[in-house]
Amino acid sequence: MVLHPPFPKKQYQILYADPPWDYKGQLQYTGAAGKDSGGAIRHYPTISVTEMVKWNIAAISTQNSLLFMWSSSPHLDQAIMLGKAWGFRWATVAFIWDKCRLNPGFYTMSQCELCLVFKRGTIPQPRGMRNIRQLVQSKRTRHSEKPDEVRRRIDEMFPEQSKIELFARKEVDGWDVWGLEIRQVQKKEKVY
């Protein structure tokens, strides 16, 4: 079992999460008799939904807050269940990321990933921009790394709210970050 750092003693209006979904060791393959092209387990420790459900994310969320959560298509039902277990109500799909690259899939070629949004209470105020587009077209880079463009769009929508990125891989101006690759909660001041 991987030990994660403790959650902050602070509450946030905007939470942004890219859970390390457990694929039960499943790898992607390049086709019949092809080589495997990797899988999440080759890049970072994955966590079962059963374990993540136990985390008290509501404790670090303000009464009126939003949770933006990434989900791969196979985990869509688990992502919705997880958002609800963390004390949020399902709202909609916030972003669709066109990775501009095809991956093998069991039914169709996989090219997109979804960023869902959940709501606790009401939408945090004041609002910023309200004409942000849902579709993000950005080439995939290293395994599971999400495009910075999505975080930028969230900043435009909610420029004044307190924000944290869960399962963060790098420090980001204006966001607190938490996760194994960060190893602790770190706060950065936003530069305007």
C-alpha atoms as a PDB file:
ATOM      1  CA  MET A   1       0.000   0.000   0.000  1.00  0.00           C
ATOM      2  CA  VAL A   2       1.342   3.412  -0.990  1.00  0.00           C
ATOM      3  CA  LEU A   3       1.195   6.069   1.714  1.00  0.00           C
ATOM      4  CA  HIS A   4       0.045   9.437   0.478  1.00  0.00           C
ATOM      5  CA  PRO A   5       0.888  12.678   2.264  1.00  0.00           C
ATOM      6  CA  PRO A   6      -1.775  14.043   4.609  1.00  0.00           C
ATOM      7  CA  PHE A   7      -4.444  16.276   3.151  1.00  0.00           C
ATOM      8  CA  PRO A   8      -4.149  19.990   3.887  1.00  0.00           C
ATOM      9  CA  LYS A   9      -5.864  21.588   6.866  1.00  0.00           C
ATOM     10  CA  LYS A  10      -7.379  24.123   4.490  1.00  0.00           C
ATOM     11  CA  GLN A  11     -10.557  24.177   2.404  1.00  0.00           C
ATOM     12  CA  TYR A  12     -10.795  24.918  -1.311  1.00  0.00           C
ATOM     13  CA  GLN A  13     -13.471  26.172  -3.664  1.00  0.00           C
ATOM     14  CA  ILE A  14     -11.972  24.479  -6.732  1.00  0.00           C
ATOM     15  CA  LEU A  15     -10.550  20.956  -6.639  1.00  0.00           C
ATOM     16  CA  TYR A  16      -8.900  19.453  -9.717  1.00  0.00           C
ATOM     17  CA  ALA A  17      -8.140  15.728  -9.635  1.00  0.00           C
ATOM     18  CA  ASP A  18      -6.598  13.162 -11.945  1.00  0.00           C
ATOM     19  CA  PRO A  19      -7.003   9.963  -9.917  1.00  0.00           C
ATOM     20  CA  PRO A  20      -4.502   7.170 -10.572  1.00  0.00           C
ATOM     21  CA  TRP A  21      -7.195   4.738 -11.714  1.00  0.00           C
ATOM     22  CA  ASP A  22      -6.485   1.072 -11.116  1.00  0.00           C
ATOM     23  CA  TYR A  23      -6.633  -0.953 -14.332  1.00  0.00           C
ATOM     24  CA  LYS A  24      -5.888  -4.171 -12.401  1.00  0.00           C
ATOM     25  CA  GLY A  25      -2.519  -4.494 -14.097  1.00  0.00           C
ATOM     26  CA  GLN A  26      -3.991  -4.297 -17.594  1.00  0.00           C
ATOM     27  CA  LEU A  27      -1.601  -3.142 -20.313  1.00  0.00           C
ATOM     28  CA  GLN A  28      -2.331  -1.616 -23.714  1.00  0.00           C
ATOM     29  CA  TYR A  29      -1.244  -3.540 -26.779  1.00  0.00           C
ATOM     30  CA  THR A  30      -0.385  -2.400 -30.278  1.00  0.00           C
ATOM     31  CA  GLY A  31      -2.570  -5.096 -31.854  1.00  0.00           C
ATOM     32  CA  ALA A  32      -2.656  -8.835 -32.410  1.00  0.00           C
ATOM     33  CA  ALA A  33       0.718 -10.298 -31.414  1.00  0.00           C
ATOM     34  CA  GLY A  34       1.976  -6.743 -30.889  1.00  0.00           C
ATOM     35  CA  LYS A  35       4.106  -5.385 -28.077  1.00  0.00           C
ATOM     36  CA  ASP A  36       2.518  -3.811 -25.075  1.00  0.00           C
ATOM     37  CA  SER A  37       2.563  -0.014 -25.096  1.00  0.00           C
ATOM     38  CA  GLY A  38       2.456   0.229 -21.330  1.00  0.00           C
ATOM     39  CA  GLY A  39      -0.235   0.947 -18.826  1.00  0.00           C
ATOM     40  CA  ALA A  40      -0.756   3.121 -15.774  1.00  0.00           C
ATOM     41  CA  ILE A  41       0.918   0.603 -13.461  1.00  0.00           C
ATOM     42  CA  ARG A  42       4.189   1.021 -15.387  1.00  0.00           C
ATOM     43  CA  HIS A  43       4.248   4.764 -14.651  1.00  0.00           C
ATOM     44  CA  TYR A  44       2.895   5.293 -11.121  1.00  0.00           C
ATOM     45  CA  PRO A  45       1.165   3.472  -8.264  1.00  0.00           C
ATOM     46  CA  THR A  46      -2.523   3.070  -9.020  1.00  0.00           C
ATOM     47  CA  ILE A  47      -5.224   3.176  -6.337  1.00  0.00           C
ATOM     48  CA  SER A  48      -8.452   1.214  -6.173  1.00  0.00           C
ATOM     49  CA  VAL A  49     -11.727   3.106  -6.099  1.00  0.00           C
ATOM     50  CA  THR A  50     -12.514   1.195  -2.895  1.00  0.00           C
ATOM     51  CA  GLU A  51      -9.541   2.932  -1.248  1.00  0.00           C
ATOM     52  CA  MET A  52     -10.177   6.405  -2.728  1.00  0.00           C
ATOM     53  CA  VAL A  53     -13.832   6.355  -1.608  1.00  0.00           C
ATOM     54  CA  LYS A  54     -12.586   6.362   2.012  1.00  0.00           C
ATOM     55  CA  TRP A  55     -10.780   9.696   1.609  1.00  0.00           C
ATOM     56  CA  ASN A  56     -12.507  12.668   3.246  1.00  0.00           C
ATOM     57  CA  ILE A  57     -12.299  15.105   0.328  1.00  0.00           C
ATOM     58  CA  ALA A  58     -15.352  16.968   1.681  1.00  0.00           C
ATOM     59  CA  ALA A  59     -13.148  18.083   4.601  1.00  0.00           C
ATOM     60  CA  ILE A  60     -10.915  20.064   2.236  1.00  0.00           C
ATOM     61  CA  SER A  61     -13.853  21.453   0.220  1.00  0.00           C
ATOM     62  CA  THR A  62     -15.770  24.607   1.048  1.00  0.00           C
ATOM     63  CA  GLN A  63     -19.547  24.504   1.368  1.00  0.00           C
ATOM     64  CA  ASN A  64     -19.810  25.863  -2.206  1.00  0.00           C
ATOM     65  CA  SER A  65     -17.166  24.167  -4.320  1.00  0.00           C
ATOM     66  CA  LEU A  66     -16.515  22.364  -7.583  1.00  0.00           C
ATOM     67  CA  LEU A  67     -14.577  19.183  -8.257  1.00  0.00           C
ATOM     68  CA  PHE A  68     -13.100  18.789 -11.737  1.00  0.00           C
ATOM     69  CA  MET A  69     -12.134  15.124 -12.147  1.00  0.00           C
ATOM     70  CA  TRP A  70     -10.440  13.331 -15.038  1.00  0.00           C
ATOM     71  CA  SER A  71     -11.795   9.970 -16.078  1.00  0.00           C
ATOM     72  CA  SER A  72     -10.760   7.556 -18.744  1.00  0.00           C
ATOM     73  CA  SER A  73     -13.742   6.060 -20.546  1.00  0.00           C
ATOM     74  CA  PRO A  74     -13.499   2.642 -18.831  1.00  0.00           C
ATOM     75  CA  HIS A  75     -13.697   4.367 -15.421  1.00  0.00           C
ATOM     76  CA  LEU A  76     -16.602   6.727 -16.141  1.00  0.00           C
ATOM     77  CA  ASP A  77     -19.064   4.944 -13.850  1.00  0.00           C
ATOM     78  CA  GLN A  78     -16.446   4.741 -11.091  1.00  0.00           C
ATOM     79  CA  ALA A  79     -15.590   8.429 -11.468  1.00  0.00           C
ATOM     80  CA  ILE A  80     -19.217   9.465 -11.028  1.00  0.00           C
ATOM     81  CA  MET A  81     -19.527   7.186  -8.001  1.00  0.00           C
ATOM     82  CA  LEU A  82     -16.271   8.561  -6.541  1.00  0.00           C
ATOM     83  CA  GLY A  83     -17.317  12.204  -6.964  1.00  0.00           C
ATOM     84  CA  LYS A  84     -20.568  11.444  -5.118  1.00  0.00           C
ATOM     85  CA  ALA A  85     -18.725   9.520  -2.379  1.00  0.00           C
ATOM     86  CA  TRP A  86     -16.521  12.575  -1.846  1.00  0.00           C
ATOM     87  CA  GLY A  87     -19.625  14.675  -1.101  1.00  0.00           C
ATOM     88  CA  PHE A  88     -20.347  16.221  -4.497  1.00  0.00           C
ATOM     89  CA  ARG A  89     -23.287  16.024  -6.896  1.00  0.00           C
ATOM     90  CA  TRP A  90     -22.709  15.043 -10.527  1.00  0.00           C
ATOM     91  CA  ALA A  91     -23.065  18.087 -12.808  1.00  0.00           C
ATOM     92  CA  THR A  92     -21.746  17.482 -16.347  1.00  0.00           C
ATOM     93  CA  VAL A  93     -18.722  16.925 -18.572  1.00  0.00           C
ATOM     94  CA  ALA A  94     -16.579  20.036 -18.232  1.00  0.00           C
ATOM     95  CA  PHE A  95     -13.923  19.229 -20.831  1.00  0.00           C
ATOM     96  CA  ILE A  96     -13.304  16.709 -23.580  1.00  0.00           C
ATOM     97  CA  TRP A  97      -9.635  16.331 -24.394  1.00  0.00           C
ATOM     98  CA  ASP A  98      -8.876  15.305 -27.969  1.00  0.00           C
ATOM     99  CA  LYS A  99      -5.379  13.884 -27.587  1.00  0.00           C
ATOM    100  CA  CYS A 100      -4.764  14.205 -31.342  1.00  0.00           C
ATOM    101  CA  ARG A 101      -3.453  10.646 -31.303  1.00  0.00           C
ATOM    102  CA  LEU A 102      -5.151   7.282 -31.496  1.00  0.00           C
ATOM    103  CA  ASN A 103      -4.730   4.515 -28.944  1.00  0.00           C
ATOM    104  CA  PRO A 104      -5.897   0.925 -29.282  1.00  0.00           C
ATOM    105  CA  GLY A 105      -9.229   0.206 -27.622  1.00  0.00           C
ATOM    106  CA  PHE A 106     -11.437  -2.838 -27.117  1.00  0.00           C
ATOM    107  CA  TYR A 107     -14.376  -1.329 -29.045  1.00  0.00           C
ATOM    108  CA  THR A 108     -13.206   1.803 -30.871  1.00  0.00           C
ATOM    109  CA  MET A 109      -9.881   3.593 -31.178  1.00  0.00           C
ATOM    110  CA  SER A 110      -9.434   5.710 -28.071  1.00  0.00           C
ATOM    111  CA  GLN A 111      -8.626   9.357 -28.691  1.00  0.00           C
ATOM    112  CA  CYS A 112     -10.450  11.408 -26.035  1.00  0.00           C
ATOM    113  CA  GLU A 113     -10.508  11.698 -22.269  1.00  0.00           C
ATOM    114  CA  LEU A 114     -13.154  13.371 -20.130  1.00  0.00           C
ATOM    115  CA  CYS A 115     -12.871  15.910 -17.329  1.00  0.00           C
ATOM    116  CA  LEU A 116     -16.078  15.757 -15.309  1.00  0.00           C
ATOM    117  CA  VAL A 117     -17.377  18.443 -12.980  1.00  0.00           C
ATOM    118  CA  PHE A 118     -19.201  17.860  -9.690  1.00  0.00           C
ATOM    119  CA  LYS A 119     -20.803  20.475  -7.444  1.00  0.00           C
ATOM    120  CA  ARG A 120     -21.044  20.850  -3.674  1.00  0.00           C
ATOM    121  CA  GLY A 121     -23.564  23.492  -2.638  1.00  0.00           C
ATOM    122  CA  THR A 122     -23.702  26.150  -5.343  1.00  0.00           C
ATOM    123  CA  ILE A 123     -21.187  27.310  -7.943  1.00  0.00           C
ATOM    124  CA  PRO A 124     -18.523  29.411  -6.182  1.00  0.00           C
ATOM    125  CA  GLN A 125     -18.846  33.153  -6.705  1.00  0.00           C
ATOM    126  CA  PRO A 126     -17.753  35.458  -8.183  1.00  0.00           C
ATOM    127  CA  ARG A 127     -17.663  33.863 -11.609  1.00  0.00           C
ATOM    128  CA  GLY A 128     -15.079  34.712 -14.200  1.00  0.00           C
ATOM    129  CA  MET A 129     -15.443  33.934 -17.884  1.00  0.00           C
ATOM    130  CA  ARG A 130     -18.535  31.965 -18.873  1.00  0.00           C
ATOM    131  CA  ASN A 131     -17.760  31.340 -22.546  1.00  0.00           C
ATOM    132  CA  ILE A 132     -15.063  28.700 -22.057  1.00  0.00           C
ATOM    133  CA  ARG A 133     -15.104  25.945 -24.664  1.00  0.00           C
ATOM    134  CA  GLN A 134     -15.500  22.308 -23.684  1.00  0.00           C
ATOM    135  CA  LEU A 135     -13.300  20.784 -26.410  1.00  0.00           C
ATOM    136  CA  VAL A 136      -9.547  20.904 -25.829  1.00  0.00           C
ATOM    137  CA  GLN A 137      -7.343  19.757 -28.701  1.00  0.00           C
ATOM    138  CA  SER A 138      -3.819  19.198 -27.469  1.00  0.00           C
ATOM    139  CA  LYS A 139      -1.294  16.513 -28.349  1.00  0.00           C
ATOM    140  CA  ARG A 140      -0.713  13.897 -25.713  1.00  0.00           C
ATOM    141  CA  THR A 141       2.718  14.073 -24.066  1.00  0.00           C
ATOM    142  CA  ARG A 142       4.015  11.777 -21.311  1.00  0.00           C
ATOM    143  CA  HIS A 143       1.768   9.069 -19.908  1.00  0.00           C
ATOM    144  CA  SER A 144      -1.387  10.466 -18.235  1.00  0.00           C
ATOM    145  CA  GLU A 145      -0.131  14.073 -18.211  1.00  0.00           C
ATOM    146  CA  LYS A 146      -3.100  16.364 -18.799  1.00  0.00           C
ATOM    147  CA  PRO A 147      -2.883  19.528 -20.902  1.00  0.00           C
ATOM    148  CA  ASP A 148      -2.084  22.727 -18.990  1.00  0.00           C
ATOM    149  CA  GLU A 149      -4.794  24.347 -21.113  1.00  0.00           C
ATOM    150  CA  VAL A 150      -7.520  22.787 -18.949  1.00  0.00           C
ATOM    151  CA  ARG A 151      -6.099  24.279 -15.749  1.00  0.00           C
ATOM    152  CA  ARG A 152      -5.788  27.634 -17.538  1.00  0.00           C
ATOM    153  CA  ARG A 153      -9.454  27.484 -18.564  1.00  0.00           C
ATOM    154  CA  ILE A 154     -10.504  26.679 -14.990  1.00  0.00           C
ATOM    155  CA  ASP A 155      -8.497  29.718 -13.847  1.00  0.00           C
ATOM    156  CA  GLU A 156     -10.381  31.884 -16.352  1.00  0.00           C
ATOM    157  CA  MET A 157     -13.717  30.553 -15.121  1.00  0.00           C
ATOM    158  CA  PHE A 158     -12.832  30.965 -11.427  1.00  0.00           C
ATOM    159  CA  PRO A 159      -9.992  33.482 -11.111  1.00  0.00           C
ATOM    160  CA  GLU A 160     -10.530  34.400  -7.439  1.00  0.00           C
ATOM    161  CA  GLN A 161     -11.253  31.024  -5.872  1.00  0.00           C
ATOM    162  CA  SER A 162      -8.884  28.935  -3.747  1.00  0.00           C
ATOM    163  CA  LYS A 163      -7.646  25.965  -5.781  1.00  0.00           C
ATOM    164  CA  ILE A 164      -5.886  22.666  -5.222  1.00  0.00           C
ATOM    165  CA  GLU A 165      -4.714  20.026  -7.669  1.00  0.00           C
ATOM    166  CA  LEU A 166      -4.954  16.510  -6.258  1.00  0.00           C
ATOM    167  CA  PHE A 167      -2.494  13.911  -7.596  1.00  0.00           C
ATOM    168  CA  ALA A 168      -0.430  16.803  -8.954  1.00  0.00           C
ATOM    169  CA  ARG A 169       2.730  16.134 -10.896  1.00  0.00           C
ATOM    170  CA  LYS A 170       4.211  19.635 -10.790  1.00  0.00           C
ATOM    171  CA  GLU A 171       3.907  22.964  -9.033  1.00  0.00           C
ATOM    172  CA  VAL A 172       1.533  25.473 -10.590  1.00  0.00           C
ATOM    173  CA  ASP A 173       1.281  29.204  -9.894  1.00  0.00           C
ATOM    174  CA  GLY A 174      -1.853  30.084  -7.940  1.00  0.00           C
ATOM    175  CA  TRP A 175      -2.676  26.479  -7.012  1.00  0.00           C
ATOM    176  CA  ASP A 176      -1.900  24.382  -3.973  1.00  0.00           C
ATOM    177  CA  VAL A 177      -0.736  20.928  -5.033  1.00  0.00           C
ATOM    178  CA  TRP A 178      -0.963  17.505  -3.390  1.00  0.00           C
ATOM    179  CA  GLY A 179       0.189  14.055  -4.419  1.00  0.00           C
ATOM    180  CA  LEU A 180       2.948  11.480  -4.448  1.00  0.00           C
ATOM    181  CA  GLU A 181       5.012  13.292  -7.069  1.00  0.00           C
ATOM    182  CA  ILE A 182       4.793  16.478  -5.005  1.00  0.00           C
ATOM    183  CA  ARG A 183       5.013  14.596  -1.656  1.00  0.00           C
ATOM    184  CA  GLN A 184       3.355  17.399   0.306  1.00  0.00           C
ATOM    185  CA  VAL A 185       0.926  20.249  -0.018  1.00  0.00           C
ATOM    186  CA  GLN A 186       2.667  23.248  -1.466  1.00  0.00           C
ATOM    187  CA  LYS A 187       1.222  26.713  -1.913  1.00  0.00           C
ATOM    188  CA  LYS A 188       2.147  29.042  -4.731  1.00  0.00           C
ATOM    189  CA  GLU A 189       1.054  32.656  -5.003  1.00  0.00           C
ATOM    190  CA  LYS A 190      -0.659  33.548  -8.256  1.00  0.00           C
ATOM    191  CA  VAL A 191       1.029  36.201 -10.344  1.00  0.00           C
ATOM    192  CA  TYR A 192      -1.409  38.485 -12.174  1.00  0.00           C
END
